[in-house]
Amino acid sequence: MGSWKSAIKTLTNLSSIPLELLSIPSSFAPSPTSGDKPYFPRQVNSLLRVSEAQSKARSKEGVDTGEIWGTKELRPYFTEGARGIAEDERKRGVGSIVHGDFKMDNLVSSSVLREVMS
């Protein structure tokens, strides 16, 4: 199996584990029905604030860098999508241990089997 397919399979498997079956503190993965501020909207808002702050940076020549192209147009897509995911998790009473740091750089793969090992 290729590395990308293995990563998607790993993501699918991890996101299908019911949180109540794991012995993890609620501070790590609050219940989506607990009333806590939902994870995805919080992450999107945080990343958009970082993006806005970075857009105010100046180059060494003193020129404003400005927003990344498309940010203004995509902002509603990101915020509505995050709200939709949070609402879906709340309705279904499920959450996931998968978070924003799930990326190829953080996966350990076998060069022989071309599969994610951890």
N, C-alpha and C. Protein backbone atom coordinates (compact mmCIF):
# COMPACT_ATOMS: atom_id res chain seq x y z
N MET A 1 0.86 -1.17 0.00
CA MET A 1 0.00 0.00 0.00
C MET A 1 0.90 1.23 0.00
N GLY A 2 0.56 2.24 -0.76
CA GLY A 2 1.34 3.47 -0.80
C GLY A 2 1.22 4.26 0.49
N SER A 3 2.18 5.13 0.72
CA SER A 3 2.21 5.91 1.96
C SER A 3 0.95 6.75 2.14
N TRP A 4 0.48 7.41 1.07
CA TRP A 4 -0.71 8.24 1.19
C TRP A 4 -1.94 7.42 1.53
N LYS A 5 -2.11 6.28 0.86
CA LYS A 5 -3.26 5.43 1.15
C LYS A 5 -3.20 4.91 2.58
N SER A 6 -2.01 4.57 3.02
CA SER A 6 -1.84 4.09 4.38
C SER A 6 -2.15 5.20 5.39
N ALA A 7 -1.77 6.43 5.08
CA ALA A 7 -2.07 7.56 5.96
C ALA A 7 -3.57 7.78 6.06
N ILE A 8 -4.27 7.69 4.94
CA ILE A 8 -5.73 7.86 4.94
C ILE A 8 -6.40 6.72 5.71
N LYS A 9 -5.90 5.51 5.53
CA LYS A 9 -6.46 4.37 6.27
C LYS A 9 -6.23 4.56 7.77
N THR A 10 -5.05 5.04 8.15
CA THR A 10 -4.75 5.29 9.56
C THR A 10 -5.67 6.38 10.11
N LEU A 11 -5.86 7.46 9.35
CA LEU A 11 -6.74 8.54 9.77
C LEU A 11 -8.17 8.04 9.95
N THR A 12 -8.63 7.23 9.02
CA THR A 12 -9.98 6.66 9.10
C THR A 12 -10.11 5.77 10.34
N ASN A 13 -9.12 4.93 10.57
CA ASN A 13 -9.17 4.03 11.72
C ASN A 13 -9.16 4.82 13.03
N LEU A 14 -8.26 5.81 13.14
CA LEU A 14 -8.19 6.60 14.37
C LEU A 14 -9.47 7.37 14.63
N SER A 15 -10.04 7.94 13.58
CA SER A 15 -11.23 8.76 13.77
C SER A 15 -12.48 7.94 14.04
N SER A 16 -12.40 6.63 13.88
CA SER A 16 -13.57 5.79 14.14
C SER A 16 -13.57 5.20 15.55
N ILE A 17 -12.54 5.48 16.34
CA ILE A 17 -12.48 4.96 17.71
C ILE A 17 -13.37 5.81 18.61
N PRO A 18 -14.38 5.23 19.23
CA PRO A 18 -15.22 6.01 20.15
C PRO A 18 -14.39 6.47 21.35
N LEU A 19 -14.47 7.76 21.67
CA LEU A 19 -13.68 8.31 22.76
C LEU A 19 -13.95 7.63 24.09
N GLU A 20 -15.20 7.21 24.30
CA GLU A 20 -15.54 6.60 25.60
C GLU A 20 -14.83 5.26 25.81
N LEU A 21 -14.28 4.65 24.75
CA LEU A 21 -13.54 3.40 24.90
C LEU A 21 -12.09 3.63 25.33
N LEU A 22 -11.65 4.88 25.29
CA LEU A 22 -10.26 5.21 25.63
C LEU A 22 -10.20 5.82 27.03
N SER A 23 -9.12 5.54 27.74
CA SER A 23 -8.93 6.12 29.07
C SER A 23 -8.07 7.37 28.92
N ILE A 24 -8.69 8.43 28.44
CA ILE A 24 -7.96 9.68 28.26
C ILE A 24 -8.67 10.79 29.02
N PRO A 25 -7.90 11.74 29.56
CA PRO A 25 -8.54 12.82 30.32
C PRO A 25 -9.40 13.71 29.42
N SER A 26 -10.46 14.26 30.00
CA SER A 26 -11.36 15.11 29.22
C SER A 26 -10.65 16.36 28.73
N SER A 27 -9.55 16.76 29.39
CA SER A 27 -8.80 17.93 28.92
C SER A 27 -8.13 17.64 27.58
N PHE A 28 -7.86 16.37 27.30
CA PHE A 28 -7.24 16.00 26.02
C PHE A 28 -8.27 15.95 24.91
N ALA A 29 -9.42 15.38 25.20
CA ALA A 29 -10.47 15.26 24.18
C ALA A 29 -11.82 15.44 24.86
N PRO A 30 -12.24 16.71 25.07
CA PRO A 30 -13.54 16.92 25.72
C PRO A 30 -14.67 16.30 24.91
N SER A 31 -15.67 15.84 25.60
CA SER A 31 -16.83 15.28 24.93
C SER A 31 -17.49 16.34 24.07
N PRO A 32 -17.87 15.97 22.84
CA PRO A 32 -18.52 16.95 21.97
C PRO A 32 -19.89 17.38 22.49
N THR A 33 -20.43 16.65 23.47
CA THR A 33 -21.74 17.03 24.02
C THR A 33 -21.61 17.71 25.38
N SER A 34 -20.37 17.95 25.83
CA SER A 34 -20.16 18.49 27.18
C SER A 34 -20.42 19.98 27.29
N GLY A 35 -20.58 20.66 26.16
CA GLY A 35 -20.80 22.10 26.20
C GLY A 35 -19.51 22.89 26.12
N ASP A 36 -18.37 22.21 26.17
CA ASP A 36 -17.10 22.90 26.01
C ASP A 36 -17.03 23.53 24.62
N LYS A 37 -16.18 24.52 24.46
CA LYS A 37 -16.01 25.15 23.16
C LYS A 37 -15.50 24.08 22.19
N PRO A 38 -16.21 23.84 21.08
CA PRO A 38 -15.82 22.78 20.15
C PRO A 38 -14.42 22.97 19.55
N TYR A 39 -13.75 21.86 19.34
CA TYR A 39 -12.37 21.87 18.88
C TYR A 39 -12.19 22.55 17.52
N PHE A 40 -12.92 22.11 16.51
CA PHE A 40 -12.67 22.62 15.15
C PHE A 40 -12.91 24.12 15.01
N PRO A 41 -14.01 24.67 15.50
CA PRO A 41 -14.17 26.12 15.41
C PRO A 41 -13.07 26.87 16.15
N ARG A 42 -12.66 26.34 17.31
CA ARG A 42 -11.58 26.97 18.07
C ARG A 42 -10.28 26.98 17.27
N GLN A 43 -9.96 25.86 16.64
CA GLN A 43 -8.74 25.77 15.84
C GLN A 43 -8.78 26.71 14.64
N VAL A 44 -9.90 26.73 13.94
CA VAL A 44 -10.02 27.59 12.76
C VAL A 44 -9.88 29.05 13.16
N ASN A 45 -10.56 29.46 14.25
CA ASN A 45 -10.44 30.84 14.70
C ASN A 45 -9.00 31.19 15.07
N SER A 46 -8.34 30.27 15.74
CA SER A 46 -6.95 30.50 16.14
C SER A 46 -6.04 30.65 14.91
N LEU A 47 -6.20 29.76 13.94
CA LEU A 47 -5.37 29.82 12.73
C LEU A 47 -5.66 31.08 11.92
N LEU A 48 -6.92 31.51 11.87
CA LEU A 48 -7.25 32.74 11.15
C LEU A 48 -6.67 33.97 11.86
N ARG A 49 -6.62 33.94 13.21
CA ARG A 49 -5.99 35.05 13.95
C ARG A 49 -4.50 35.10 13.66
N VAL A 50 -3.85 33.95 13.62
CA VAL A 50 -2.42 33.90 13.28
C VAL A 50 -2.20 34.43 11.88
N SER A 51 -3.03 34.00 10.95
CA SER A 51 -2.93 34.47 9.56
C SER A 51 -3.08 35.98 9.48
N GLU A 52 -4.05 36.52 10.23
CA GLU A 52 -4.27 37.97 10.22
C GLU A 52 -3.06 38.71 10.79
N ALA A 53 -2.51 38.20 11.89
CA ALA A 53 -1.32 38.83 12.48
C ALA A 53 -0.14 38.79 11.52
N GLN A 54 0.04 37.66 10.86
CA GLN A 54 1.14 37.53 9.91
C GLN A 54 0.95 38.44 8.71
N SER A 55 -0.29 38.72 8.35
CA SER A 55 -0.54 39.58 7.20
C SER A 55 -0.11 41.02 7.45
N LYS A 56 0.07 41.37 8.71
CA LYS A 56 0.48 42.73 9.07
C LYS A 56 2.00 42.88 9.11
N ALA A 57 2.70 41.79 8.86
CA ALA A 57 4.17 41.85 8.86
C ALA A 57 4.65 42.65 7.66
N ARG A 58 5.85 43.20 7.81
CA ARG A 58 6.46 43.97 6.72
C ARG A 58 7.72 43.26 6.26
N SER A 59 7.97 43.36 4.99
CA SER A 59 9.21 42.80 4.44
C SER A 59 10.38 43.67 4.90
N LYS A 60 11.60 43.22 4.67
CA LYS A 60 12.76 44.03 5.09
C LYS A 60 12.83 45.34 4.31
N GLU A 61 12.10 45.40 3.19
CA GLU A 61 12.02 46.66 2.43
C GLU A 61 10.92 47.57 2.97
N GLY A 62 10.17 47.12 3.98
CA GLY A 62 9.12 47.93 4.57
C GLY A 62 7.77 47.81 3.89
N VAL A 63 7.59 46.80 3.03
CA VAL A 63 6.34 46.61 2.31
C VAL A 63 5.45 45.65 3.11
N ASP A 64 4.17 46.00 3.27
CA ASP A 64 3.23 45.10 3.93
C ASP A 64 3.12 43.80 3.14
N THR A 65 3.15 42.68 3.85
CA THR A 65 3.03 41.39 3.16
C THR A 65 1.59 41.12 2.75
N GLY A 66 0.63 41.56 3.57
CA GLY A 66 -0.78 41.36 3.25
C GLY A 66 -1.22 39.93 3.50
N GLU A 67 -2.50 39.71 3.27
CA GLU A 67 -3.06 38.37 3.48
C GLU A 67 -2.60 37.40 2.40
N ILE A 68 -2.60 36.13 2.76
CA ILE A 68 -2.35 35.09 1.78
C ILE A 68 -3.50 35.12 0.79
N TRP A 69 -3.20 35.00 -0.47
CA TRP A 69 -4.22 35.05 -1.51
C TRP A 69 -5.34 34.07 -1.21
N GLY A 70 -6.57 34.53 -1.30
CA GLY A 70 -7.74 33.68 -1.13
C GLY A 70 -8.25 33.57 0.30
N THR A 71 -7.50 34.11 1.27
CA THR A 71 -7.91 33.98 2.67
C THR A 71 -9.29 34.59 2.91
N LYS A 72 -9.50 35.78 2.40
CA LYS A 72 -10.77 36.47 2.61
C LYS A 72 -11.94 35.66 2.04
N GLU A 73 -11.73 35.10 0.86
CA GLU A 73 -12.80 34.32 0.21
C GLU A 73 -13.03 32.97 0.90
N LEU A 74 -11.97 32.38 1.45
CA LEU A 74 -12.09 31.06 2.07
C LEU A 74 -12.49 31.10 3.54
N ARG A 75 -12.38 32.26 4.18
CA ARG A 75 -12.70 32.38 5.60
C ARG A 75 -14.09 31.83 5.92
N PRO A 76 -15.16 32.22 5.18
CA PRO A 76 -16.49 31.65 5.48
C PRO A 76 -16.54 30.13 5.29
N TYR A 77 -15.84 29.63 4.31
CA TYR A 77 -15.80 28.18 4.05
C TYR A 77 -15.20 27.47 5.26
N PHE A 78 -14.08 27.99 5.77
CA PHE A 78 -13.42 27.37 6.92
C PHE A 78 -14.29 27.46 8.17
N THR A 79 -14.84 28.63 8.46
CA THR A 79 -15.61 28.79 9.69
C THR A 79 -16.91 28.00 9.65
N GLU A 80 -17.61 28.02 8.52
CA GLU A 80 -18.86 27.25 8.41
C GLU A 80 -18.57 25.75 8.44
N GLY A 81 -17.51 25.33 7.78
CA GLY A 81 -17.14 23.91 7.79
C GLY A 81 -16.81 23.43 9.19
N ALA A 82 -16.07 24.24 9.95
CA ALA A 82 -15.71 23.87 11.32
C ALA A 82 -16.96 23.80 12.20
N ARG A 83 -17.87 24.76 12.02
CA ARG A 83 -19.12 24.74 12.78
C ARG A 83 -19.95 23.50 12.43
N GLY A 84 -19.97 23.16 11.15
CA GLY A 84 -20.72 21.98 10.71
C GLY A 84 -20.17 20.70 11.30
N ILE A 85 -18.85 20.59 11.33
CA ILE A 85 -18.23 19.39 11.92
C ILE A 85 -18.56 19.32 13.41
N ALA A 86 -18.42 20.45 14.09
CA ALA A 86 -18.71 20.48 15.54
C ALA A 86 -20.17 20.11 15.82
N GLU A 87 -21.07 20.64 15.01
CA GLU A 87 -22.50 20.35 15.20
C GLU A 87 -22.78 18.86 14.93
N ASP A 88 -22.15 18.32 13.90
CA ASP A 88 -22.33 16.90 13.59
C ASP A 88 -21.81 16.03 14.73
N GLU A 89 -20.64 16.37 15.27
CA GLU A 89 -20.10 15.60 16.39
C GLU A 89 -21.01 15.70 17.60
N ARG A 90 -21.56 16.90 17.85
CA ARG A 90 -22.45 17.08 18.99
C ARG A 90 -23.72 16.24 18.83
N LYS A 91 -24.32 16.27 17.63
CA LYS A 91 -25.55 15.51 17.38
C LYS A 91 -25.33 14.01 17.53
N ARG A 92 -24.20 13.54 17.00
CA ARG A 92 -23.92 12.10 17.05
C ARG A 92 -23.31 11.67 18.37
N GLY A 93 -22.87 12.66 19.19
CA GLY A 93 -22.25 12.33 20.47
C GLY A 93 -20.90 11.68 20.32
N VAL A 94 -20.21 12.01 19.25
CA VAL A 94 -18.89 11.44 19.02
C VAL A 94 -17.88 12.56 18.77
N GLY A 95 -16.66 12.26 19.09
CA GLY A 95 -15.54 13.14 18.80
C GLY A 95 -14.42 12.29 18.25
N SER A 96 -13.26 12.84 18.15
CA SER A 96 -12.16 12.09 17.57
C SER A 96 -10.86 12.45 18.25
N ILE A 97 -9.95 11.49 18.32
CA ILE A 97 -8.63 11.77 18.87
C ILE A 97 -7.72 12.38 17.81
N VAL A 98 -8.19 12.45 16.58
CA VAL A 98 -7.40 13.05 15.50
C VAL A 98 -7.51 14.56 15.62
N HIS A 99 -6.37 15.23 15.45
CA HIS A 99 -6.38 16.69 15.57
C HIS A 99 -5.55 17.31 14.46
N GLY A 100 -5.34 18.61 14.54
CA GLY A 100 -4.71 19.37 13.47
C GLY A 100 -3.26 19.04 13.18
N ASP A 101 -2.62 18.24 14.01
CA ASP A 101 -1.23 17.91 13.78
C ASP A 101 -1.06 16.56 13.07
N PHE A 102 -2.14 16.00 12.55
CA PHE A 102 -2.06 14.75 11.79
C PHE A 102 -1.57 15.10 10.40
N LYS A 103 -0.31 14.81 10.14
CA LYS A 103 0.27 15.11 8.84
C LYS A 103 1.40 14.12 8.55
N MET A 104 1.76 14.02 7.30
CA MET A 104 2.75 13.04 6.88
C MET A 104 4.05 13.15 7.66
N ASP A 105 4.46 14.38 7.98
CA ASP A 105 5.71 14.59 8.72
C ASP A 105 5.69 13.96 10.10
N ASN A 106 4.50 13.76 10.67
CA ASN A 106 4.39 13.22 12.02
C ASN A 106 4.05 11.74 12.06
N LEU A 107 4.04 11.10 10.92
CA LEU A 107 3.77 9.67 10.86
C LEU A 107 5.07 8.91 10.67
N VAL A 108 5.15 7.76 11.28
CA VAL A 108 6.32 6.89 11.10
C VAL A 108 5.90 5.78 10.15
N SER A 109 6.60 5.69 9.03
CA SER A 109 6.26 4.69 8.02
C SER A 109 7.37 3.69 7.85
N SER A 110 6.99 2.50 7.44
CA SER A 110 7.96 1.45 7.12
C SER A 110 8.38 1.65 5.67
N SER A 111 9.68 1.77 5.43
CA SER A 111 10.16 1.92 4.06
C SER A 111 10.02 0.61 3.27
N VAL A 112 9.95 -0.49 3.98
CA VAL A 112 9.80 -1.80 3.32
C VAL A 112 8.34 -2.05 2.97
N LEU A 113 7.46 -1.86 3.94
CA LEU A 113 6.03 -2.14 3.73
C LEU A 113 5.28 -0.96 3.15
N ARG A 114 5.87 0.23 3.20
CA ARG A 114 5.24 1.47 2.74
C ARG A 114 3.89 1.66 3.41
N GLU A 115 3.88 1.42 4.73
CA GLU A 115 2.68 1.59 5.53
C GLU A 115 3.00 2.41 6.76
N VAL A 116 2.00 3.10 7.27
CA VAL A 116 2.17 3.85 8.52
C VAL A 116 2.28 2.86 9.66
N MET A 117 3.31 3.06 10.48
CA MET A 117 3.54 2.17 11.61
C MET A 117 3.09 2.84 12.92
N SER A 118 3.23 4.15 12.98
CA SER A 118 2.78 4.90 14.17
C SER A 118 2.66 6.37 13.83
